[in-house]
Structure formats: C-alpha cells, structure tokens
Amino acid sequence: MSKRAISGPSRTSLTVRGTNAKGQRSSTILRSRPRYSAPSTFSIVAFDRANRDLGVAVESKFPAVGVIVPWAEAKVGAIATQAMINVSYGPNGLKLLQDGLSADETLRRLVAGDLQRETRQAAVVDRDGHVAAHTGKECLEWKGHLSGDGYSCQGNILTSSKVLESMAEAYEETKGDLIDRLLAALTAGQAAGGDRRGQQSAAILVVRENGGYGGYSDRYLDLRVDDHSSPIEELKRVFRNYDMTMLSREDPRNLFMIDRNITVTIQRNLKKLGFYAGEVTGDLDALTKKALDDFVNINNFEDRMRQEGKIWKSVLDYMGQQAKTSSG
C-alpha cells in the first residue's frame, strides 16, 4: 500500500496508509493543537452491495446530531458532515452525486469551495460503493478516518484510533443487512471509548428505493435520539419497536400457519391480555380472529399480518412476552 506523511506548523507528523485498488482498508490520521470548541462526533457511511441500500449512522456529544450530520438519497449516495459542521455538504453533495460525480470528485468539489475546509470532517459513499473522506488539519484530536470496501468510519475528539478500528471491524464481521451492520459499528465505537467528552445523541438513516412505509418513499429507516445519557442503546431500543411495526426483515421461515397448537397459544395469551373472552379450544373462530385483529391493530402490526391464516414468529413472541408480564 502507498504511504504518505502529513506534517505542518503546530502539528505532529504521522505516517498513514493509503487505499489500494481492491478496496482494502486505508486510514488517515491528522493531529493538531486544539484551537476551538466543536461538537465531537463519530460516524459511518456505507453501501450494501447485496441490496444497494445506502446509509449513515452517527453518535455525538451534541444535541440532535441526526438533524445535521447524516444525508442520503436512494440510488445516489450517502454523506456525513461533521466537526465544525458545514451542513451544505449534505444537499450540495447529493446533488453532485446525482449529477454523476463519483464520491471522490464530489468530496473534492465540496472541500475546494470551503474556506474553512481544515475545520471540517466529511465522508461520502456513492451509488457504486466508492468512498472518500476528508479530515481537516484543524479538527480536534483524536481525529481521523478509516475506509474499507463500501464504507468509511470517521471521528473527531475521540479517545483514540481504536474507536474507528473497532467500528470497521464490527461493520465487516456483523451478519445481517446494512441496518444491523451500522448499529454494530456504532456500538463497537462507543465500547472502544467513543467521543472523549461523552454521549448525547445518535441517529441512523438508511435509504432504499421504494423502501419507505407503504412503498411511497425511499426513507427505509430514519431514527434519531436527540438527547439521552446512552443514546446508542436508546436508538437500538427504539429501532426494535420500529423493526416490529414498520419493516419486513424477518426470515420467511418464521412465517407460521396458524394451526390448532398455535391457536391455543394465541387464545391463552390474548385471554390473559384481555382481548379474548372465549374458551381455549384451538379453533380459529370468529371470536378468536377478532381478538387477534384487535391485538394487531393496537400494536401497529398491520403490515405483518397481511397474509390470511398466518402469523409471524416475532408477533407470537411479542404477544407471549406481553402476556407473561401482564397482571391480567
């Protein structure tokens, strides 16, 4: 891999690795003396080659980071803009990507036109999975970025380089779709020390063509925790509820026919929860169907119950957990 050294007035020099043609990891680490106060942030931008999802996940010692850092558009790209944030990098960068510029060309245009470029940190991934990242020399240490195949991790005011290394490792090793991998990266970054000033907010944005609710938008996932002592854990808690009601990521093998044994389970649980007043017979009669419909509607599981006579394991499990903790 190629190497280059970065040095200059009031900065320590450090040899860094470049990126090779195979998309293997590269990293850029820049250090400078603190000159100003800035929101400390770590994030990941990524492209899923399997289904072409694009996304950003971010955590910061800054309120409502999800409003300003993550930007993404299906079939176009994803951008994280941070440090002394220039919010225009988001919409302007997406427009450049939409016009056909690569991630590298887009980022070079954004940075070149910014007189405060050395205070900025940004990363771009385009529709083909090419990535580019910039860490300005005046960002506060520890700061840097680390890029791999289809993703880039970046952060400033971090405890150490271990934050980004742990994020990259978790992203590469986690099974599942882009959501699972982005959340794993955030979790690993925090576990490695994260933002050295603490935690405050977190967000995840994933776009997929026609992946939004009802297929009417591309906003597949857009969740934010604006102010919390453990924002990543809270983000994951909120996501679990969102996943149950808004997404269809469950293994098709977990879609069960409602046979007599499952009907008995449904009747027992719904009876305990107060939805069903009949006998436990194992018959999927009109009274049982109405009780099940009422449970589904109250818990916003309509999208999971579109197939007549079938039920998802996740809905059964949720019903059982609610019944177990019910005082009824």
Protein backbone atom coordinates (compact mmCIF):
# COMPACT_ATOMS: atom_id res chain seq x y z
CA MET A 1 0.00 0.00 0.00
CA SER A 2 1.20 3.53 -0.68
CA LYS A 3 2.22 5.72 2.24
CA ARG A 4 2.44 9.44 2.80
CA ALA A 5 3.32 11.63 5.75
CA ILE A 6 1.33 14.66 6.87
CA SER A 7 3.04 17.45 8.76
CA GLY A 8 2.93 21.21 9.21
CA PRO A 9 3.16 24.05 11.73
CA SER A 10 1.73 23.20 15.16
CA ARG A 11 1.05 19.60 14.07
CA THR A 12 2.77 16.32 14.78
CA SER A 13 3.66 14.27 11.69
CA LEU A 14 2.30 10.78 11.25
CA THR A 15 2.70 8.18 8.51
CA VAL A 16 -0.66 6.98 7.21
CA ARG A 17 -1.84 4.24 4.89
CA GLY A 18 -3.47 4.80 1.54
CA THR A 19 -6.24 2.85 -0.21
CA ASN A 20 -5.42 0.16 -2.75
CA ALA A 21 -7.44 -0.77 -5.82
CA LYS A 22 -9.04 -3.74 -4.09
CA GLY A 23 -10.95 -1.54 -1.66
CA GLN A 24 -8.96 -2.69 1.36
CA ARG A 25 -8.93 -0.53 4.45
CA SER A 26 -6.97 2.69 4.50
CA SER A 27 -6.67 5.31 7.19
CA THR A 28 -5.79 8.94 7.52
CA ILE A 29 -4.90 10.31 10.95
CA LEU A 30 -4.32 14.00 11.48
CA ARG A 31 -3.37 15.73 14.71
CA SER A 32 -3.32 19.37 15.67
CA ARG A 33 -3.46 21.57 18.74
CA PRO A 34 -7.00 22.37 19.87
CA ARG A 35 -7.97 25.90 18.78
CA TYR A 36 -11.72 25.98 19.29
CA SER A 37 -14.65 24.09 20.72
CA ALA A 38 -16.56 21.82 18.37
CA PRO A 39 -19.12 19.01 18.60
CA SER A 40 -17.29 15.69 18.91
CA THR A 41 -18.65 13.02 16.61
CA PHE A 42 -18.05 9.55 15.18
CA SER A 43 -19.95 8.19 12.22
CA ILE A 44 -20.02 5.61 9.45
CA VAL A 45 -21.28 5.94 5.87
CA ALA A 46 -21.86 2.73 3.93
CA PHE A 47 -23.25 1.00 0.85
CA ASP A 48 -24.72 -2.51 0.89
CA ARG A 49 -23.71 -4.26 -2.32
CA ALA A 50 -26.29 -7.01 -1.79
CA ASN A 51 -29.40 -4.83 -1.93
CA ARG A 52 -27.92 -1.38 -2.78
CA ASP A 53 -29.04 0.26 0.46
CA LEU A 54 -27.14 3.40 1.46
CA GLY A 55 -26.86 4.72 4.99
CA VAL A 56 -25.25 6.75 7.75
CA ALA A 57 -25.06 6.14 11.50
CA VAL A 58 -23.68 8.72 13.93
CA GLU A 59 -23.18 9.47 17.65
CA SER A 60 -22.09 12.78 19.18
CA LYS A 61 -21.70 14.86 22.31
CA PHE A 62 -24.05 17.29 20.66
CA PRO A 63 -27.87 17.53 20.73
CA ALA A 64 -29.96 16.27 17.81
CA VAL A 65 -26.99 15.18 15.69
CA GLY A 66 -29.36 13.39 13.33
CA VAL A 67 -30.66 16.72 12.06
CA ILE A 68 -27.33 17.90 10.64
CA VAL A 69 -24.79 15.07 10.11
CA PRO A 70 -26.47 12.28 8.05
CA TRP A 71 -27.63 12.75 4.46
CA ALA A 72 -28.63 10.05 1.99
CA GLU A 73 -30.63 9.52 -1.18
CA ALA A 74 -31.51 6.16 -2.71
CA LYS A 75 -29.60 5.27 -5.90
CA VAL A 76 -27.43 8.38 -5.31
CA GLY A 77 -25.24 8.19 -2.21
CA ALA A 78 -24.76 8.96 1.47
CA ILE A 79 -22.83 11.73 3.24
CA ALA A 80 -21.73 12.51 6.79
CA THR A 81 -20.66 16.10 7.52
CA GLN A 82 -19.19 16.79 10.97
CA ALA A 83 -16.55 18.54 13.15
CA MET A 84 -17.23 22.26 12.54
CA ILE A 85 -20.21 21.14 10.51
CA ASN A 86 -20.93 22.63 7.11
CA VAL A 87 -24.49 21.45 6.61
CA SER A 88 -24.41 22.45 2.93
CA TYR A 89 -22.13 19.47 2.27
CA GLY A 90 -25.26 17.30 2.62
CA PRO A 91 -27.67 18.66 -0.01
CA ASN A 92 -24.91 20.03 -2.26
CA GLY A 93 -23.02 16.75 -2.17
CA LEU A 94 -26.11 14.71 -3.00
CA LYS A 95 -26.78 17.00 -5.96
CA LEU A 96 -23.24 16.45 -7.26
CA LEU A 97 -23.62 12.68 -6.84
CA GLN A 98 -26.96 12.81 -8.62
CA ASP A 99 -25.26 14.62 -11.49
CA GLY A 100 -22.95 11.63 -11.88
CA LEU A 101 -19.84 12.67 -9.97
CA SER A 102 -18.02 9.98 -8.00
CA ALA A 103 -17.57 10.08 -4.23
CA ASP A 104 -14.01 11.34 -4.63
CA GLU A 105 -14.93 14.04 -7.15
CA THR A 106 -17.88 15.14 -5.03
CA LEU A 107 -15.85 15.50 -1.86
CA ARG A 108 -13.04 17.34 -3.67
CA ARG A 109 -15.57 19.86 -5.01
CA LEU A 110 -17.14 20.40 -1.59
CA VAL A 111 -13.82 20.86 0.18
CA ALA A 112 -12.26 23.03 -2.51
CA GLY A 113 -15.06 25.57 -2.27
CA ASP A 114 -14.95 25.81 1.54
CA LEU A 115 -12.64 28.43 3.06
CA GLN A 116 -12.87 26.62 6.42
CA ARG A 117 -12.08 23.21 4.97
CA GLU A 118 -9.41 22.48 7.58
CA THR A 119 -12.05 22.62 10.34
CA ARG A 120 -14.34 20.16 8.54
CA GLN A 121 -14.66 16.41 8.53
CA ALA A 122 -16.78 14.61 5.95
CA ALA A 123 -17.24 11.27 4.21
CA VAL A 124 -19.08 10.29 1.03
CA VAL A 125 -20.13 6.93 -0.42
CA ASP A 126 -21.63 6.86 -3.89
CA ARG A 127 -24.13 4.56 -5.61
CA ASP A 128 -21.35 2.18 -6.67
CA GLY A 129 -19.83 1.85 -3.20
CA HIS A 130 -16.82 4.10 -3.81
CA VAL A 131 -15.87 6.09 -0.72
CA ALA A 132 -13.97 9.29 0.01
CA ALA A 133 -13.24 11.03 3.31
CA HIS A 134 -11.70 14.29 4.50
CA THR A 135 -10.35 15.20 7.93
CA GLY A 136 -9.24 18.82 8.17
CA LYS A 137 -5.91 19.59 9.84
CA GLU A 138 -7.61 21.86 12.40
CA CYS A 139 -10.15 19.30 13.61
CA LEU A 140 -9.61 18.39 17.24
CA GLU A 141 -7.74 15.24 18.11
CA TRP A 142 -8.04 12.44 18.30
CA LYS A 143 -9.39 12.67 14.77
CA GLY A 144 -9.15 10.70 11.55
CA HIS A 145 -10.95 8.42 9.12
CA LEU A 146 -10.67 4.79 8.12
CA SER A 147 -12.11 3.45 4.87
CA GLY A 148 -12.85 -0.06 3.65
CA ASP A 149 -14.86 -1.74 0.91
CA GLY A 150 -18.04 0.32 0.56
CA TYR A 151 -17.76 2.16 3.87
CA SER A 152 -15.89 4.86 5.77
CA CYS A 153 -15.63 5.46 9.52
CA GLN A 154 -14.62 8.91 10.79
CA GLY A 155 -14.47 10.81 14.04
CA ASN A 156 -13.08 13.77 15.92
CA ILE A 157 -12.42 14.43 19.62
CA LEU A 158 -12.25 10.66 20.13
CA THR A 159 -10.45 8.75 22.85
CA SER A 160 -8.11 7.07 20.33
CA SER A 161 -7.78 5.46 16.91
CA LYS A 162 -9.25 2.31 18.46
CA VAL A 163 -12.72 3.81 18.07
CA LEU A 164 -12.56 3.73 14.28
CA GLU A 165 -10.69 0.43 14.15
CA SER A 166 -13.39 -1.19 16.30
CA MET A 167 -16.16 0.30 14.17
CA ALA A 168 -14.60 -1.05 10.98
CA GLU A 169 -14.08 -4.49 12.47
CA ALA A 170 -17.67 -4.69 13.73
CA TYR A 171 -19.07 -3.49 10.40
CA GLU A 172 -17.11 -6.09 8.45
CA GLU A 173 -17.83 -9.00 10.77
CA THR A 174 -21.51 -8.45 11.61
CA LYS A 175 -24.06 -10.63 9.82
CA GLY A 176 -27.29 -9.11 8.55
CA ASP A 177 -28.32 -6.16 6.44
CA LEU A 178 -26.98 -2.60 6.42
CA ILE A 179 -29.02 -1.62 9.48
CA ASP A 180 -27.54 -4.40 11.59
CA ARG A 181 -24.01 -3.56 10.49
CA LEU A 182 -24.34 0.20 11.05
CA LEU A 183 -25.74 -0.29 14.55
CA ALA A 184 -22.98 -2.79 15.33
CA ALA A 185 -20.37 -0.26 14.21
CA LEU A 186 -21.81 2.47 16.45
CA THR A 187 -21.95 0.11 19.41
CA ALA A 188 -18.36 -1.00 18.89
CA GLY A 189 -17.13 2.57 18.54
CA GLN A 190 -18.67 3.53 21.84
CA ALA A 191 -17.36 0.40 23.56
CA ALA A 192 -13.85 1.33 22.39
CA GLY A 193 -14.08 4.72 24.09
CA GLY A 194 -16.10 6.78 21.64
CA ASP A 195 -16.34 10.51 21.99
CA ARG A 196 -13.94 11.61 24.73
CA ARG A 197 -16.41 14.23 26.01
CA GLY A 198 -19.24 11.76 26.50
CA GLN A 199 -22.54 10.96 24.77
CA GLN A 200 -25.67 12.90 23.96
CA SER A 201 -27.38 12.00 20.69
CA ALA A 202 -27.35 9.36 17.97
CA ALA A 203 -29.05 8.68 14.65
CA ILE A 204 -29.31 6.19 11.80
CA LEU A 205 -30.53 6.89 8.27
CA VAL A 206 -30.89 4.17 5.63
CA VAL A 207 -32.42 4.70 2.18
CA ARG A 208 -33.77 2.09 -0.23
CA GLU A 209 -35.71 2.64 -3.42
CA ASN A 210 -39.44 2.44 -2.51
CA GLY A 211 -38.38 1.09 0.89
CA GLY A 212 -40.32 3.60 2.98
CA TYR A 213 -43.62 2.91 4.70
CA GLY A 214 -46.14 1.64 2.18
CA GLY A 215 -43.55 1.87 -0.59
CA TYR A 216 -44.25 5.57 -1.12
CA SER A 217 -40.78 6.89 -0.27
CA ASP A 218 -37.15 5.78 -0.18
CA ARG A 219 -36.66 6.55 3.53
CA TYR A 220 -36.32 2.97 4.74
CA LEU A 221 -35.12 3.90 8.24
CA ASP A 222 -34.76 7.33 9.84
CA LEU A 223 -34.43 7.23 13.62
CA ARG A 224 -32.96 9.80 16.00
CA VAL A 225 -32.29 10.08 19.70
CA ASP A 226 -31.78 13.79 20.31
CA ASP A 227 -30.77 13.95 23.98
CA HIS A 228 -30.04 10.90 26.16
CA SER A 229 -27.39 9.66 28.56
CA SER A 230 -26.99 6.44 26.50
CA PRO A 231 -28.14 7.46 23.02
CA ILE A 232 -26.87 4.42 21.12
CA GLU A 233 -28.61 1.97 23.44
CA GLU A 234 -31.76 4.08 23.28
CA LEU A 235 -31.51 4.17 19.49
CA LYS A 236 -31.34 0.38 19.40
CA ARG A 237 -34.33 0.12 21.75
CA VAL A 238 -36.41 2.41 19.56
CA PHE A 239 -35.27 0.51 16.48
CA ARG A 240 -36.50 -2.81 17.90
CA ASN A 241 -40.01 -1.32 18.09
CA TYR A 242 -39.68 0.20 14.63
CA ASP A 243 -38.46 -3.10 13.22
CA MET A 244 -41.53 -4.88 14.57
CA THR A 245 -44.03 -2.41 13.14
CA MET A 246 -42.50 -0.82 10.04
CA LEU A 247 -40.06 -3.27 8.44
CA SER A 248 -40.25 -6.77 6.95
CA ARG A 249 -36.80 -8.17 7.62
CA GLU A 250 -37.83 -11.43 9.26
CA ASP A 251 -36.71 -14.79 7.87
CA PRO A 252 -39.57 -16.19 5.71
CA ARG A 253 -39.17 -19.48 7.59
CA ASN A 254 -40.59 -17.66 10.63
CA LEU A 255 -43.99 -17.18 8.99
CA PHE A 256 -46.22 -19.88 10.51
CA MET A 257 -49.58 -21.31 9.51
CA ILE A 258 -52.00 -20.77 12.40
CA ASP A 259 -52.70 -24.40 13.24
CA ARG A 260 -54.53 -25.70 16.31
CA ASN A 261 -51.46 -25.61 18.57
CA ILE A 262 -50.66 -22.01 17.63
CA THR A 263 -54.32 -21.08 18.03
CA VAL A 264 -54.26 -22.46 21.59
CA THR A 265 -51.21 -20.28 22.33
CA ILE A 266 -52.91 -17.23 20.82
CA GLN A 267 -56.13 -17.80 22.78
CA ARG A 268 -54.31 -18.28 26.07
CA ASN A 269 -52.16 -15.19 25.65
CA LEU A 270 -54.94 -12.95 24.36
CA LYS A 271 -57.20 -14.13 27.17
CA LYS A 272 -54.57 -13.08 29.70
CA LEU A 273 -54.15 -9.75 27.92
CA GLY A 274 -57.90 -9.09 27.95
CA PHE A 275 -58.51 -9.32 24.20
CA TYR A 276 -60.23 -12.72 24.22
CA ALA A 277 -63.09 -13.80 26.45
CA GLY A 278 -63.88 -17.23 24.99
CA GLU A 279 -62.70 -20.71 25.82
CA VAL A 280 -59.28 -22.09 24.85
CA THR A 281 -60.39 -24.54 22.16
CA GLY A 282 -57.76 -24.39 19.43
CA ASP A 283 -60.43 -23.32 16.93
CA LEU A 284 -59.62 -20.19 14.91
CA ASP A 285 -63.23 -18.99 15.09
CA ALA A 286 -64.67 -15.50 14.55
CA LEU A 287 -64.19 -14.51 18.21
CA THR A 288 -60.51 -15.52 18.14
CA LYS A 289 -59.92 -13.75 14.83
CA LYS A 290 -61.46 -10.55 16.16
CA ALA A 291 -59.32 -10.72 19.30
CA LEU A 292 -56.21 -11.24 17.18
CA ASP A 293 -57.17 -8.37 14.88
CA ASP A 294 -57.68 -6.09 17.87
CA PHE A 295 -54.27 -7.02 19.28
CA VAL A 296 -52.61 -6.46 15.90
CA ASN A 297 -54.25 -3.06 15.35
CA ILE A 298 -53.49 -1.73 18.82
CA ASN A 299 -49.83 -2.72 18.47
CA ASN A 300 -49.48 -1.45 14.88
CA PHE A 301 -48.61 -4.86 13.43
CA GLU A 302 -50.89 -4.50 10.39
CA ASP A 303 -48.03 -4.82 7.90
CA ARG A 304 -47.01 -8.13 9.47
CA MET A 305 -50.47 -9.67 9.28
CA ARG A 306 -51.41 -9.27 5.63
CA GLN A 307 -51.41 -13.00 4.89
CA GLU A 308 -54.63 -14.63 5.98
CA GLY A 309 -54.25 -17.63 8.28
CA LYS A 310 -50.56 -16.99 9.00
CA ILE A 311 -48.62 -15.27 11.76
CA TRP A 312 -45.01 -14.21 12.18
CA LYS A 313 -42.95 -15.69 14.99
CA SER A 314 -41.99 -12.17 16.10
CA VAL A 315 -45.66 -11.31 16.67
CA LEU A 316 -46.22 -14.54 18.59
CA ASP A 317 -43.12 -13.90 20.70
CA TYR A 318 -44.16 -10.32 21.43
CA MET A 319 -47.65 -11.47 22.41
CA GLY A 320 -46.16 -14.10 24.73
CA GLN A 321 -43.82 -11.60 26.38
CA GLN A 322 -46.68 -9.16 26.95
CA ALA A 323 -48.85 -11.92 28.42
CA LYS A 324 -46.01 -13.06 30.67
CA THR A 325 -45.62 -9.61 32.22
CA SER A 326 -49.36 -8.87 32.28
CA SER A 327 -51.19 -8.70 35.59
CA GLY A 328 -54.34 -9.94 33.90
